[in-house]
Amino acid sequence: MSFNLSKEFPLLASELGELLQRSGENELAKTVDGLMVVDRCRCGDDFCATMYTVPRPKGAWGEGHRNVALDPQRGFLILDVLNERIVAIEVLYRDEIRESLLTLLL
């Protein structure tokens, strides 16, 4: 099952767009509304709400990968970007997002 990030997490999507624009990542900011979440991190850490917008690789993301660390008011938001496409949204220490994500993607 997949879902649209903006539909299920509208406040997070808005926050991501705003933080990306502030960071000068305007092209990435334009893609946030269309992001589809296909899976979540399965690490089991009680502070992790990481989401994937493409199937997770079996190793490293490879060439063309970069991280975009954002500066939210609370928690941590770090994007994995592959060839200028957001492939993962690392959401850490945001319990309300984690709880909802666990319900959406068992």
N, C-alpha and C. Protein backbone atom coordinates (compact mmCIF):
# COMPACT_ATOMS: atom_id res chain seq x y z
N MET A 1 0.84 -1.18 0.00
CA MET A 1 0.00 0.00 0.00
C MET A 1 0.89 1.25 0.00
N SER A 2 0.52 2.22 -0.77
CA SER A 2 1.23 3.50 -0.76
C SER A 2 0.22 4.61 -0.51
N PHE A 3 0.73 5.78 -0.19
CA PHE A 3 -0.15 6.91 0.05
C PHE A 3 0.57 8.20 -0.31
N ASN A 4 -0.22 9.22 -0.54
CA ASN A 4 0.31 10.54 -0.85
C ASN A 4 0.70 11.24 0.45
N LEU A 5 1.94 11.69 0.53
CA LEU A 5 2.44 12.33 1.74
C LEU A 5 1.57 13.53 2.13
N SER A 6 1.23 14.37 1.17
CA SER A 6 0.45 15.58 1.45
C SER A 6 -0.94 15.27 1.98
N LYS A 7 -1.50 14.16 1.54
CA LYS A 7 -2.84 13.79 1.99
C LYS A 7 -2.83 13.27 3.42
N GLU A 8 -1.89 12.39 3.72
CA GLU A 8 -1.86 11.75 5.04
C GLU A 8 -1.11 12.58 6.10
N PHE A 9 -0.13 13.37 5.65
CA PHE A 9 0.67 14.19 6.57
C PHE A 9 0.77 15.61 6.02
N PRO A 10 -0.35 16.32 5.94
CA PRO A 10 -0.33 17.65 5.33
C PRO A 10 0.58 18.64 6.04
N LEU A 11 0.65 18.59 7.36
CA LEU A 11 1.52 19.52 8.08
C LEU A 11 2.99 19.22 7.82
N LEU A 12 3.36 17.95 7.76
CA LEU A 12 4.73 17.57 7.46
C LEU A 12 5.09 17.99 6.03
N ALA A 13 4.20 17.74 5.09
CA ALA A 13 4.47 18.11 3.71
C ALA A 13 4.66 19.61 3.58
N SER A 14 3.82 20.38 4.24
CA SER A 14 3.94 21.84 4.21
C SER A 14 5.27 22.27 4.83
N GLU A 15 5.62 21.66 5.95
CA GLU A 15 6.87 21.98 6.62
C GLU A 15 8.07 21.65 5.72
N LEU A 16 8.03 20.48 5.07
CA LEU A 16 9.12 20.10 4.17
C LEU A 16 9.28 21.11 3.03
N GLY A 17 8.16 21.47 2.42
CA GLY A 17 8.22 22.45 1.33
C GLY A 17 8.82 23.77 1.76
N GLU A 18 8.37 24.24 2.91
CA GLU A 18 8.87 25.52 3.43
C GLU A 18 10.36 25.44 3.77
N LEU A 19 10.77 24.38 4.45
CA LEU A 19 12.18 24.23 4.83
C LEU A 19 13.07 24.06 3.60
N LEU A 20 12.58 23.36 2.60
CA LEU A 20 13.36 23.21 1.37
C LEU A 20 13.55 24.56 0.68
N GLN A 21 12.49 25.35 0.63
CA GLN A 21 12.61 26.67 0.02
C GLN A 21 13.60 27.54 0.79
N ARG A 22 13.52 27.50 2.10
CA ARG A 22 14.46 28.28 2.93
C ARG A 22 15.91 27.84 2.70
N SER A 23 16.08 26.57 2.36
CA SER A 23 17.42 26.02 2.14
C SER A 23 17.90 26.22 0.70
N GLY A 24 17.09 26.87 -0.11
CA GLY A 24 17.46 27.10 -1.50
C GLY A 24 17.23 25.90 -2.40
N GLU A 25 16.47 24.92 -1.93
CA GLU A 25 16.16 23.71 -2.69
C GLU A 25 14.78 23.85 -3.33
N ASN A 26 14.62 24.88 -4.14
CA ASN A 26 13.31 25.20 -4.72
C ASN A 26 12.77 24.10 -5.63
N GLU A 27 13.62 23.46 -6.40
CA GLU A 27 13.15 22.40 -7.31
C GLU A 27 12.63 21.20 -6.52
N LEU A 28 13.33 20.84 -5.46
CA LEU A 28 12.84 19.75 -4.62
C LEU A 28 11.55 20.14 -3.92
N ALA A 29 11.45 21.38 -3.49
CA ALA A 29 10.24 21.86 -2.80
C ALA A 29 9.01 21.68 -3.69
N LYS A 30 9.17 21.89 -4.98
CA LYS A 30 8.05 21.76 -5.92
C LYS A 30 7.53 20.33 -6.02
N THR A 31 8.34 19.35 -5.63
CA THR A 31 7.94 17.95 -5.78
C THR A 31 7.23 17.38 -4.56
N VAL A 32 7.25 18.08 -3.45
CA VAL A 32 6.72 17.54 -2.18
C VAL A 32 5.25 17.14 -2.29
N ASP A 33 4.42 17.97 -2.89
CA ASP A 33 2.99 17.66 -2.96
C ASP A 33 2.69 16.36 -3.70
N GLY A 34 3.54 15.97 -4.60
CA GLY A 34 3.31 14.75 -5.38
C GLY A 34 3.99 13.50 -4.83
N LEU A 35 4.68 13.61 -3.70
CA LEU A 35 5.40 12.45 -3.18
C LEU A 35 4.45 11.35 -2.71
N MET A 36 4.73 10.15 -3.17
CA MET A 36 4.00 8.97 -2.73
C MET A 36 4.91 8.17 -1.82
N VAL A 37 4.43 7.81 -0.65
CA VAL A 37 5.19 7.00 0.30
C VAL A 37 4.86 5.54 0.03
N VAL A 38 5.92 4.73 -0.20
CA VAL A 38 5.72 3.33 -0.55
C VAL A 38 6.07 2.38 0.60
N ASP A 39 6.86 2.86 1.56
CA ASP A 39 7.22 2.00 2.69
C ASP A 39 7.78 2.87 3.80
N ARG A 40 8.02 2.23 4.94
CA ARG A 40 8.61 2.91 6.09
C ARG A 40 9.85 2.15 6.51
N CYS A 41 10.66 2.79 7.30
CA CYS A 41 11.83 2.14 7.85
C CYS A 41 11.36 1.04 8.80
N ARG A 42 12.06 -0.05 8.80
CA ARG A 42 11.69 -1.19 9.64
C ARG A 42 12.76 -1.46 10.71
N CYS A 43 13.51 -0.42 11.08
CA CYS A 43 14.60 -0.59 12.05
C CYS A 43 14.10 -0.92 13.45
N GLY A 44 12.89 -0.50 13.79
CA GLY A 44 12.33 -0.78 15.11
C GLY A 44 12.67 0.25 16.18
N ASP A 45 13.50 1.23 15.84
CA ASP A 45 13.81 2.27 16.82
C ASP A 45 12.55 3.07 17.13
N ASP A 46 12.33 3.35 18.41
CA ASP A 46 11.09 4.02 18.82
C ASP A 46 11.06 5.51 18.51
N PHE A 47 12.10 6.04 17.90
CA PHE A 47 12.15 7.45 17.53
C PHE A 47 12.14 7.65 16.02
N CYS A 48 12.08 6.56 15.25
CA CYS A 48 12.22 6.62 13.79
C CYS A 48 10.88 6.56 13.08
N ALA A 49 10.65 7.54 12.20
CA ALA A 49 9.46 7.55 11.33
C ALA A 49 9.90 7.80 9.89
N THR A 50 11.01 7.19 9.51
CA THR A 50 11.54 7.36 8.16
C THR A 50 10.61 6.73 7.14
N MET A 51 10.42 7.43 6.02
CA MET A 51 9.53 6.99 4.95
C MET A 51 10.29 6.93 3.64
N TYR A 52 9.92 5.97 2.81
CA TYR A 52 10.54 5.82 1.48
C TYR A 52 9.54 6.15 0.40
N THR A 53 10.01 6.87 -0.61
CA THR A 53 9.16 7.21 -1.74
C THR A 53 9.45 6.32 -2.94
N VAL A 54 10.45 5.48 -2.81
CA VAL A 54 10.80 4.43 -3.77
C VAL A 54 11.19 3.21 -2.95
N PRO A 55 11.19 2.02 -3.53
CA PRO A 55 11.63 0.87 -2.76
C PRO A 55 13.05 1.07 -2.23
N ARG A 56 13.26 0.68 -1.00
CA ARG A 56 14.56 0.84 -0.35
C ARG A 56 15.60 -0.04 -1.03
N PRO A 57 16.79 0.49 -1.25
CA PRO A 57 17.83 -0.34 -1.89
C PRO A 57 18.37 -1.37 -0.91
N LYS A 58 19.01 -2.39 -1.44
CA LYS A 58 19.59 -3.43 -0.58
C LYS A 58 20.94 -3.01 -0.02
N GLY A 59 21.49 -1.92 -0.50
CA GLY A 59 22.75 -1.39 -0.01
C GLY A 59 22.66 0.12 0.02
N ALA A 60 23.75 0.75 -0.39
CA ALA A 60 23.78 2.22 -0.45
C ALA A 60 22.96 2.70 -1.64
N TRP A 61 22.56 3.95 -1.59
CA TRP A 61 21.80 4.53 -2.70
C TRP A 61 22.65 4.62 -3.96
N GLY A 62 23.93 4.78 -3.81
CA GLY A 62 24.81 4.79 -4.98
C GLY A 62 25.08 6.18 -5.52
N GLU A 63 25.67 6.20 -6.70
CA GLU A 63 26.05 7.45 -7.35
C GLU A 63 24.82 8.33 -7.59
N GLY A 64 24.99 9.61 -7.41
CA GLY A 64 23.88 10.55 -7.58
C GLY A 64 23.11 10.81 -6.30
N HIS A 65 23.56 10.22 -5.18
CA HIS A 65 22.87 10.39 -3.90
C HIS A 65 23.47 11.55 -3.13
N ARG A 66 22.61 12.26 -2.44
CA ARG A 66 23.04 13.28 -1.49
C ARG A 66 22.01 13.39 -0.39
N ASN A 67 22.42 13.93 0.74
CA ASN A 67 21.50 14.20 1.85
C ASN A 67 21.22 15.69 1.91
N VAL A 68 19.99 16.01 2.27
CA VAL A 68 19.61 17.40 2.52
C VAL A 68 19.10 17.44 3.96
N ALA A 69 19.91 18.00 4.84
CA ALA A 69 19.53 18.13 6.25
C ALA A 69 18.76 19.44 6.42
N LEU A 70 17.56 19.32 6.93
CA LEU A 70 16.72 20.50 7.14
C LEU A 70 16.77 20.90 8.60
N ASP A 71 16.23 22.06 8.92
CA ASP A 71 16.32 22.60 10.27
C ASP A 71 14.91 22.83 10.84
N PRO A 72 14.21 21.75 11.20
CA PRO A 72 12.86 21.90 11.76
C PRO A 72 12.90 22.45 13.18
N GLN A 73 11.76 22.91 13.66
CA GLN A 73 11.69 23.42 15.04
C GLN A 73 11.86 22.31 16.06
N ARG A 74 11.48 21.08 15.69
CA ARG A 74 11.69 19.95 16.60
C ARG A 74 11.97 18.69 15.80
N GLY A 75 12.70 17.80 16.42
CA GLY A 75 13.07 16.57 15.76
C GLY A 75 14.11 16.81 14.68
N PHE A 76 14.26 15.80 13.83
CA PHE A 76 15.21 15.88 12.73
C PHE A 76 14.51 15.52 11.43
N LEU A 77 14.83 16.23 10.37
CA LEU A 77 14.33 15.92 9.03
C LEU A 77 15.53 15.93 8.09
N ILE A 78 15.80 14.78 7.51
CA ILE A 78 16.91 14.64 6.57
C ILE A 78 16.37 13.92 5.34
N LEU A 79 16.60 14.50 4.19
CA LEU A 79 16.12 13.89 2.96
C LEU A 79 17.24 13.14 2.27
N ASP A 80 16.92 11.97 1.75
CA ASP A 80 17.82 11.27 0.84
C ASP A 80 17.34 11.64 -0.56
N VAL A 81 18.24 12.18 -1.35
CA VAL A 81 17.93 12.63 -2.70
C VAL A 81 18.80 11.85 -3.66
N LEU A 82 18.18 11.23 -4.64
CA LEU A 82 18.90 10.46 -5.64
C LEU A 82 18.59 11.04 -7.01
N ASN A 83 19.62 11.52 -7.68
CA ASN A 83 19.45 12.14 -9.00
C ASN A 83 18.37 13.22 -8.96
N GLU A 84 18.44 14.04 -7.91
CA GLU A 84 17.54 15.19 -7.71
C GLU A 84 16.08 14.79 -7.51
N ARG A 85 15.86 13.60 -6.97
CA ARG A 85 14.52 13.12 -6.62
C ARG A 85 14.55 12.68 -5.16
N ILE A 86 13.56 13.11 -4.37
CA ILE A 86 13.47 12.70 -2.97
C ILE A 86 13.07 11.23 -2.93
N VAL A 87 13.97 10.41 -2.35
CA VAL A 87 13.70 8.97 -2.28
C VAL A 87 13.41 8.49 -0.86
N ALA A 88 13.80 9.30 0.12
CA ALA A 88 13.50 8.94 1.52
C ALA A 88 13.43 10.21 2.35
N ILE A 89 12.56 10.17 3.35
CA ILE A 89 12.39 11.27 4.29
C ILE A 89 12.67 10.71 5.67
N GLU A 90 13.82 11.06 6.22
CA GLU A 90 14.16 10.60 7.56
C GLU A 90 13.51 11.56 8.55
N VAL A 91 12.57 11.03 9.30
CA VAL A 91 11.84 11.79 10.31
C VAL A 91 12.18 11.16 11.65
N LEU A 92 12.88 11.90 12.49
CA LEU A 92 13.31 11.36 13.77
C LEU A 92 12.79 12.21 14.92
N TYR A 93 12.39 11.54 15.99
CA TYR A 93 11.90 12.19 17.21
C TYR A 93 10.63 13.02 16.97
N ARG A 94 9.73 12.46 16.20
CA ARG A 94 8.42 13.06 15.97
C ARG A 94 7.39 11.95 16.20
N ASP A 95 7.06 11.71 17.47
CA ASP A 95 6.23 10.58 17.86
C ASP A 95 4.87 10.54 17.17
N GLU A 96 4.24 11.70 16.99
CA GLU A 96 2.91 11.72 16.38
C GLU A 96 2.96 11.23 14.93
N ILE A 97 4.04 11.52 14.24
CA ILE A 97 4.20 11.05 12.86
C ILE A 97 4.47 9.55 12.87
N ARG A 98 5.33 9.11 13.78
CA ARG A 98 5.65 7.68 13.87
C ARG A 98 4.40 6.86 14.15
N GLU A 99 3.57 7.30 15.08
CA GLU A 99 2.36 6.55 15.42
C GLU A 99 1.42 6.44 14.23
N SER A 100 1.22 7.52 13.52
CA SER A 100 0.36 7.49 12.33
C SER A 100 0.96 6.62 11.23
N LEU A 101 2.27 6.73 11.05
CA LEU A 101 2.94 5.95 10.00
C LEU A 101 2.83 4.45 10.28
N LEU A 102 2.97 4.06 11.54
CA LEU A 102 2.84 2.64 11.88
C LEU A 102 1.44 2.13 11.61
N THR A 103 0.45 2.98 11.77
CA THR A 103 -0.93 2.58 11.47
C THR A 103 -1.14 2.44 9.96
N LEU A 104 -0.55 3.35 9.19
CA LEU A 104 -0.72 3.32 7.73
C LEU A 104 0.04 2.18 7.07
N LEU A 105 1.24 1.92 7.55
CA LEU A 105 2.10 0.90 6.95
C LEU A 105 2.55 -0.08 8.03
N LEU A 106 1.78 -1.10 8.25
CA LEU A 106 2.08 -2.09 9.29
C LEU A 106 3.41 -2.76 9.09
